[in-house]
Amino acid sequence: CLYRGIGGDDTFRMYERLDVSLYQVK
């Protein structure tokens, strides 16, 4: 498991970081 939470994050910013947070690790 990976834990990719960032305090204070919102759905706008998370959408922008999907590549680093998800797509690169599949």
PDB file of all heavy atoms in Angstrom:
ATOM      1  N   CYS A   1       0.825  -1.207   0.000  1.00  0.00           N
ATOM      2  CA  CYS A   1       0.000   0.000   0.000  1.00  0.00           C
ATOM      3  C   CYS A   1       0.856   1.252   0.000  1.00  0.00           C
ATOM      4  O   CYS A   1       1.930   1.285   0.606  1.00  0.00           O
ATOM      5  CB  CYS A   1      -0.893   0.037   1.239  1.00  0.00           C
ATOM      6  SG  CYS A   1      -2.063  -1.319   1.348  1.00  0.00           S
ATOM      7  N   LEU A   2       0.333   2.273  -0.661  1.00  0.00           N
ATOM      8  CA  LEU A   2       0.928   3.601  -0.609  1.00  0.00           C
ATOM      9  C   LEU A   2      -0.106   4.560  -0.042  1.00  0.00           C
ATOM     10  O   LEU A   2      -1.298   4.431  -0.324  1.00  0.00           O
ATOM     11  CB  LEU A   2       1.342   4.082  -2.003  1.00  0.00           C
ATOM     12  CG  LEU A   2       2.434   3.295  -2.712  1.00  0.00           C
ATOM     13  CD1 LEU A   2       2.650   3.859  -4.105  1.00  0.00           C
ATOM     14  CD2 LEU A   2       3.719   3.323  -1.911  1.00  0.00           C
ATOM     15  N   TYR A   3       0.379   5.506   0.738  1.00  0.00           N
ATOM     16  CA  TYR A   3      -0.491   6.472   1.389  1.00  0.00           C
ATOM     17  C   TYR A   3      -0.156   7.839   0.820  1.00  0.00           C
ATOM     18  O   TYR A   3       0.874   8.412   1.115  1.00  0.00           O
ATOM     19  CB  TYR A   3      -0.292   6.413   2.908  1.00  0.00           C
ATOM     20  CG  TYR A   3      -0.539   5.021   3.414  1.00  0.00           C
ATOM     21  CD1 TYR A   3       0.504   4.095   3.489  1.00  0.00           C
ATOM     22  CD2 TYR A   3      -1.818   4.595   3.741  1.00  0.00           C
ATOM     23  CE1 TYR A   3       0.271   2.791   3.912  1.00  0.00           C
ATOM     24  CE2 TYR A   3      -2.056   3.290   4.165  1.00  0.00           C
ATOM     25  CZ  TYR A   3      -1.008   2.397   4.242  1.00  0.00           C
ATOM     26  OH  TYR A   3      -1.239   1.112   4.650  1.00  0.00           O
ATOM     27  N   ARG A   4      -1.014   8.347  -0.035  1.00  0.00           N
ATOM     28  CA  ARG A   4      -0.747   9.568  -0.779  1.00  0.00           C
ATOM     29  C   ARG A   4      -1.704  10.688  -0.357  1.00  0.00           C
ATOM     30  O   ARG A   4      -2.321  11.344  -1.182  1.00  0.00           O
ATOM     31  CB  ARG A   4      -0.849   9.307  -2.280  1.00  0.00           C
ATOM     32  CG  ARG A   4       0.154   8.241  -2.799  1.00  0.00           C
ATOM     33  CD  ARG A   4       1.553   8.773  -2.715  1.00  0.00           C
ATOM     34  NE  ARG A   4       2.626   7.859  -2.999  1.00  0.00           N
ATOM     35  CZ  ARG A   4       3.175   7.644  -4.182  1.00  0.00           C
ATOM     36  NH1 ARG A   4       2.692   8.204  -5.256  1.00  0.00           N
ATOM     37  NH2 ARG A   4       4.216   6.842  -4.302  1.00  0.00           N
ATOM     38  N   GLY A   5      -1.804  10.905   0.933  1.00  0.00           N
ATOM     39  CA  GLY A   5      -2.605  12.004   1.454  1.00  0.00           C
ATOM     40  C   GLY A   5      -1.741  13.226   1.694  1.00  0.00           C
ATOM     41  O   GLY A   5      -0.571  13.104   2.052  1.00  0.00           O
ATOM     42  N   ILE A   6      -2.328  14.396   1.495  1.00  0.00           N
ATOM     43  CA  ILE A   6      -1.667  15.663   1.793  1.00  0.00           C
ATOM     44  C   ILE A   6      -2.667  16.522   2.561  1.00  0.00           C
ATOM     45  O   ILE A   6      -3.740  16.834   2.041  1.00  0.00           O
ATOM     46  CB  ILE A   6      -1.201  16.408   0.525  1.00  0.00           C
ATOM     47  CG1 ILE A   6      -0.219  15.557  -0.281  1.00  0.00           C
ATOM     48  CG2 ILE A   6      -0.572  17.747   0.905  1.00  0.00           C
ATOM     49  CD1 ILE A   6       0.241  16.197  -1.580  1.00  0.00           C
ATOM     50  N   GLY A   7      -2.308  16.873   3.772  1.00  0.00           N
ATOM     51  CA  GLY A   7      -3.190  17.713   4.582  1.00  0.00           C
ATOM     52  C   GLY A   7      -3.505  19.023   3.899  1.00  0.00           C
ATOM     53  O   GLY A   7      -2.624  19.679   3.354  1.00  0.00           O
ATOM     54  N   GLY A   8      -4.777  19.404   3.906  1.00  0.00           N
ATOM     55  CA  GLY A   8      -5.194  20.652   3.279  1.00  0.00           C
ATOM     56  C   GLY A   8      -5.493  20.523   1.802  1.00  0.00           C
ATOM     57  O   GLY A   8      -5.909  21.491   1.160  1.00  0.00           O
ATOM     58  N   ASP A   9      -5.299  19.344   1.243  1.00  0.00           N
ATOM     59  CA  ASP A   9      -5.525  19.147  -0.183  1.00  0.00           C
ATOM     60  C   ASP A   9      -7.019  19.214  -0.485  1.00  0.00           C
ATOM     61  O   ASP A   9      -7.867  19.010   0.379  1.00  0.00           O
ATOM     62  CB  ASP A   9      -4.956  17.798  -0.619  1.00  0.00           C
ATOM     63  CG  ASP A   9      -4.617  17.754  -2.099  1.00  0.00           C
ATOM     64  OD1 ASP A   9      -4.797  18.767  -2.798  1.00  0.00           O
ATOM     65  OD2 ASP A   9      -4.147  16.704  -2.563  1.00  0.00           O
ATOM     66  N   ASP A  10      -7.341  19.500  -1.734  1.00  0.00           N
ATOM     67  CA  ASP A  10      -8.723  19.482  -2.194  1.00  0.00           C
ATOM     68  C   ASP A  10      -8.781  18.748  -3.528  1.00  0.00           C
ATOM     69  O   ASP A  10      -7.757  18.338  -4.066  1.00  0.00           O
ATOM     70  CB  ASP A  10      -9.301  20.903  -2.289  1.00  0.00           C
ATOM     71  CG  ASP A  10      -8.541  21.804  -3.248  1.00  0.00           C
ATOM     72  OD1 ASP A  10      -7.926  21.300  -4.209  1.00  0.00           O
ATOM     73  OD2 ASP A  10      -8.563  23.029  -3.044  1.00  0.00           O
ATOM     74  N   THR A  11      -9.972  18.571  -4.050  1.00  0.00           N
ATOM     75  CA  THR A  11     -10.126  17.786  -5.276  1.00  0.00           C
ATOM     76  C   THR A  11      -9.497  18.459  -6.488  1.00  0.00           C
ATOM     77  O   THR A  11      -9.084  17.780  -7.420  1.00  0.00           O
ATOM     78  CB  THR A  11     -11.614  17.492  -5.559  1.00  0.00           C
ATOM     79  OG1 THR A  11     -12.341  18.720  -5.610  1.00  0.00           O
ATOM     80  CG2 THR A  11     -12.211  16.606  -4.485  1.00  0.00           C
ATOM     81  N   PHE A  12      -9.418  19.799  -6.491  1.00  0.00           N
ATOM     82  CA  PHE A  12      -8.775  20.501  -7.606  1.00  0.00           C
ATOM     83  C   PHE A  12      -7.287  20.149  -7.675  1.00  0.00           C
ATOM     84  O   PHE A  12      -6.767  19.790  -8.721  1.00  0.00           O
ATOM     85  CB  PHE A  12      -8.912  22.025  -7.461  1.00  0.00           C
ATOM     86  CG  PHE A  12     -10.313  22.521  -7.544  1.00  0.00           C
ATOM     87  CD1 PHE A  12     -10.977  22.922  -6.398  1.00  0.00           C
ATOM     88  CD2 PHE A  12     -10.970  22.598  -8.752  1.00  0.00           C
ATOM     89  CE1 PHE A  12     -12.280  23.392  -6.468  1.00  0.00           C
ATOM     90  CE2 PHE A  12     -12.266  23.067  -8.836  1.00  0.00           C
ATOM     91  CZ  PHE A  12     -12.925  23.460  -7.683  1.00  0.00           C
ATOM     92  N   ARG A  13      -6.618  20.280  -6.530  1.00  0.00           N
ATOM     93  CA  ARG A  13      -5.176  20.015  -6.477  1.00  0.00           C
ATOM     94  C   ARG A  13      -4.894  18.526  -6.676  1.00  0.00           C
ATOM     95  O   ARG A  13      -3.920  18.166  -7.306  1.00  0.00           O
ATOM     96  CB  ARG A  13      -4.600  20.480  -5.137  1.00  0.00           C
ATOM     97  CG  ARG A  13      -4.461  21.976  -5.030  1.00  0.00           C
ATOM     98  CD  ARG A  13      -3.910  22.294  -3.645  1.00  0.00           C
ATOM     99  NE  ARG A  13      -3.061  23.433  -3.577  1.00  0.00           N
ATOM    100  CZ  ARG A  13      -1.841  23.555  -4.084  1.00  0.00           C
ATOM    101  NH1 ARG A  13      -1.292  22.597  -4.728  1.00  0.00           N
ATOM    102  NH2 ARG A  13      -1.146  24.647  -3.945  1.00  0.00           N
ATOM    103  N   MET A  14      -5.734  17.680  -6.100  1.00  0.00           N
ATOM    104  CA  MET A  14      -5.486  16.254  -6.245  1.00  0.00           C
ATOM    105  C   MET A  14      -5.573  15.844  -7.708  1.00  0.00           C
ATOM    106  O   MET A  14      -4.777  15.032  -8.177  1.00  0.00           O
ATOM    107  CB  MET A  14      -6.464  15.425  -5.416  1.00  0.00           C
ATOM    108  CG  MET A  14      -6.036  13.964  -5.359  1.00  0.00           C
ATOM    109  SD  MET A  14      -7.165  12.948  -4.433  1.00  0.00           S
ATOM    110  CE  MET A  14      -8.341  12.591  -5.700  1.00  0.00           C
ATOM    111  N   TYR A  15      -6.527  16.412  -8.424  1.00  0.00           N
ATOM    112  CA  TYR A  15      -6.650  16.117  -9.853  1.00  0.00           C
ATOM    113  C   TYR A  15      -5.341  16.438 -10.568  1.00  0.00           C
ATOM    114  O   TYR A  15      -4.907  15.681 -11.439  1.00  0.00           O
ATOM    115  CB  TYR A  15      -7.811  16.921 -10.450  1.00  0.00           C
ATOM    116  CG  TYR A  15      -8.014  16.670 -11.922  1.00  0.00           C
ATOM    117  CD1 TYR A  15      -8.708  15.550 -12.361  1.00  0.00           C
ATOM    118  CD2 TYR A  15      -7.496  17.537 -12.874  1.00  0.00           C
ATOM    119  CE1 TYR A  15      -8.899  15.306 -13.715  1.00  0.00           C
ATOM    120  CE2 TYR A  15      -7.679  17.317 -14.223  1.00  0.00           C
ATOM    121  CZ  TYR A  15      -8.382  16.198 -14.641  1.00  0.00           C
ATOM    122  OH  TYR A  15      -8.554  15.955 -15.977  1.00  0.00           O
ATOM    123  N   GLU A  16      -4.707  17.521 -10.194  1.00  0.00           N
ATOM    124  CA  GLU A  16      -3.456  17.942 -10.822  1.00  0.00           C
ATOM    125  C   GLU A  16      -2.280  17.016 -10.471  1.00  0.00           C
ATOM    126  O   GLU A  16      -1.300  16.975 -11.208  1.00  0.00           O
ATOM    127  CB  GLU A  16      -3.109  19.378 -10.409  1.00  0.00           C
ATOM    128  CG  GLU A  16      -4.123  20.408 -10.877  1.00  0.00           C
ATOM    129  CD  GLU A  16      -4.239  20.477 -12.392  1.00  0.00           C
ATOM    130  OE1 GLU A  16      -3.202  20.383 -13.073  1.00  0.00           O
ATOM    131  OE2 GLU A  16      -5.369  20.622 -12.888  1.00  0.00           O
ATOM    132  N   ARG A  17      -2.363  16.297  -9.369  1.00  0.00           N
ATOM    133  CA  ARG A  17      -1.245  15.449  -8.952  1.00  0.00           C
ATOM    134  C   ARG A  17      -1.493  13.954  -9.184  1.00  0.00           C
ATOM    135  O   ARG A  17      -0.759  13.110  -8.683  1.00  0.00           O
ATOM    136  CB  ARG A  17      -0.893  15.710  -7.490  1.00  0.00           C
ATOM    137  CG  ARG A  17      -1.918  15.253  -6.470  1.00  0.00           C
ATOM    138  CD  ARG A  17      -1.388  15.485  -5.065  1.00  0.00           C
ATOM    139  NE  ARG A  17      -2.372  15.249  -4.044  1.00  0.00           N
ATOM    140  CZ  ARG A  17      -2.485  14.121  -3.360  1.00  0.00           C
ATOM    141  NH1 ARG A  17      -1.671  13.114  -3.578  1.00  0.00           N
ATOM    142  NH2 ARG A  17      -3.416  14.002  -2.422  1.00  0.00           N
ATOM    143  N   LEU A  18      -2.499  13.623  -9.961  1.00  0.00           N
ATOM    144  CA  LEU A  18      -2.803  12.208 -10.199  1.00  0.00           C
ATOM    145  C   LEU A  18      -1.642  11.454 -10.844  1.00  0.00           C
ATOM    146  O   LEU A  18      -1.421  10.282 -10.547  1.00  0.00           O
ATOM    147  CB  LEU A  18      -4.071  12.063 -11.050  1.00  0.00           C
ATOM    148  CG  LEU A  18      -5.381  12.388 -10.341  1.00  0.00           C
ATOM    149  CD1 LEU A  18      -6.540  12.344 -11.326  1.00  0.00           C
ATOM    150  CD2 LEU A  18      -5.625  11.466  -9.169  1.00  0.00           C
ATOM    151  N   ASP A  19      -0.899  12.090 -11.716  1.00  0.00           N
ATOM    152  CA  ASP A  19       0.227  11.421 -12.365  1.00  0.00           C
ATOM    153  C   ASP A  19       1.236  10.934 -11.331  1.00  0.00           C
ATOM    154  O   ASP A  19       1.606   9.764 -11.315  1.00  0.00           O
ATOM    155  CB  ASP A  19       0.899  12.347 -13.378  1.00  0.00           C
ATOM    156  CG  ASP A  19       2.027  11.639 -14.117  1.00  0.00           C
ATOM    157  OD1 ASP A  19       1.792  10.536 -14.650  1.00  0.00           O
ATOM    158  OD2 ASP A  19       3.147  12.183 -14.136  1.00  0.00           O
ATOM    159  N   VAL A  20       1.672  11.828 -10.465  1.00  0.00           N
ATOM    160  CA  VAL A  20       2.669  11.474  -9.452  1.00  0.00           C
ATOM    161  C   VAL A  20       2.074  10.530  -8.409  1.00  0.00           C
ATOM    162  O   VAL A  20       2.717   9.571  -7.989  1.00  0.00           O
ATOM    163  CB  VAL A  20       3.210  12.752  -8.758  1.00  0.00           C
ATOM    164  CG1 VAL A  20       4.063  12.413  -7.555  1.00  0.00           C
ATOM    165  CG2 VAL A  20       3.992  13.586  -9.749  1.00  0.00           C
ATOM    166  N   SER A  21       0.846  10.775  -8.005  1.00  0.00           N
ATOM    167  CA  SER A  21       0.247  10.004  -6.926  1.00  0.00           C
ATOM    168  C   SER A  21      -0.252   8.628  -7.354  1.00  0.00           C
ATOM    169  O   SER A  21      -0.251   7.703  -6.549  1.00  0.00           O
ATOM    170  CB  SER A  21      -0.917  10.784  -6.308  1.00  0.00           C
ATOM    171  OG  SER A  21      -0.450  11.966  -5.719  1.00  0.00           O
ATOM    172  N   LEU A  22      -0.671   8.501  -8.616  1.00  0.00           N
ATOM    173  CA  LEU A  22      -1.271   7.231  -9.061  1.00  0.00           C
ATOM    174  C   LEU A  22      -0.650   6.645 -10.327  1.00  0.00           C
ATOM    175  O   LEU A  22      -0.211   5.499 -10.341  1.00  0.00           O
ATOM    176  CB  LEU A  22      -2.763   7.420  -9.345  1.00  0.00           C
ATOM    177  CG  LEU A  22      -3.687   7.696  -8.194  1.00  0.00           C
ATOM    178  CD1 LEU A  22      -5.101   7.887  -8.705  1.00  0.00           C
ATOM    179  CD2 LEU A  22      -3.640   6.579  -7.197  1.00  0.00           C
ATOM    180  N   TYR A  23      -0.681   7.408 -11.391  1.00  0.00           N
ATOM    181  CA  TYR A  23      -0.385   6.856 -12.709  1.00  0.00           C
ATOM    182  C   TYR A  23       1.017   6.276 -12.812  1.00  0.00           C
ATOM    183  O   TYR A  23       1.217   5.281 -13.508  1.00  0.00           O
ATOM    184  CB  TYR A  23      -0.610   7.897 -13.800  1.00  0.00           C
ATOM    185  CG  TYR A  23      -2.012   8.481 -13.799  1.00  0.00           C
ATOM    186  CD1 TYR A  23      -2.250   9.742 -14.305  1.00  0.00           C
ATOM    187  CD2 TYR A  23      -3.091   7.772 -13.279  1.00  0.00           C
ATOM    188  CE1 TYR A  23      -3.524  10.288 -14.299  1.00  0.00           C
ATOM    189  CE2 TYR A  23      -4.364   8.310 -13.267  1.00  0.00           C
ATOM    190  CZ  TYR A  23      -4.571   9.567 -13.779  1.00  0.00           C
ATOM    191  OH  TYR A  23      -5.825  10.105 -13.768  1.00  0.00           O
ATOM    192  N   GLN A  24       1.967   6.862 -12.140  1.00  0.00           N
ATOM    193  CA  GLN A  24       3.338   6.361 -12.225  1.00  0.00           C
ATOM    194  C   GLN A  24       3.518   5.020 -11.510  1.00  0.00           C
ATOM    195  O   GLN A  24       4.446   4.289 -11.822  1.00  0.00           O
ATOM    196  CB  GLN A  24       4.321   7.397 -11.653  1.00  0.00           C
ATOM    197  CG  GLN A  24       4.423   8.635 -12.509  1.00  0.00           C
ATOM    198  CD  GLN A  24       5.389   9.655 -11.934  1.00  0.00           C
ATOM    199  OE1 GLN A  24       6.198   9.362 -11.067  1.00  0.00           O
ATOM    200  NE2 GLN A  24       5.308  10.878 -12.427  1.00  0.00           N
ATOM    201  N   VAL A  25       2.629   4.691 -10.578  1.00  0.00           N
ATOM    202  CA  VAL A  25       2.776   3.430  -9.825  1.00  0.00           C
ATOM    203  C   VAL A  25       1.767   2.362 -10.237  1.00  0.00           C
ATOM    204  O   VAL A  25       1.884   1.208  -9.844  1.00  0.00           O
ATOM    205  CB  VAL A  25       2.713   3.670  -8.301  1.00  0.00           C
ATOM    206  CG1 VAL A  25       3.899   4.482  -7.850  1.00  0.00           C
ATOM    207  CG2 VAL A  25       1.417   4.319  -7.880  1.00  0.00           C
ATOM    208  N   LYS A  26       0.760   2.740 -11.000  1.00  0.00           N
ATOM    209  CA  LYS A  26      -0.221   1.798 -11.563  1.00  0.00           C
ATOM    210  C   LYS A  26      -0.771   0.800 -10.531  1.00  0.00           C
ATOM    211  O   LYS A  26      -0.599  -0.412 -10.658  1.00  0.00           O
ATOM    212  CB  LYS A  26       0.396   1.051 -12.738  1.00  0.00           C
ATOM    213  CG  LYS A  26       0.842   1.953 -13.865  1.00  0.00           C
ATOM    214  CD  LYS A  26       1.527   1.158 -14.965  1.00  0.00           C
ATOM    215  CE  LYS A  26       1.935   2.020 -16.105  1.00  0.00           C
ATOM    216  NZ  LYS A  26       3.102   2.834 -15.915  1.00  0.00           N
TER     217      LYS A  26
END
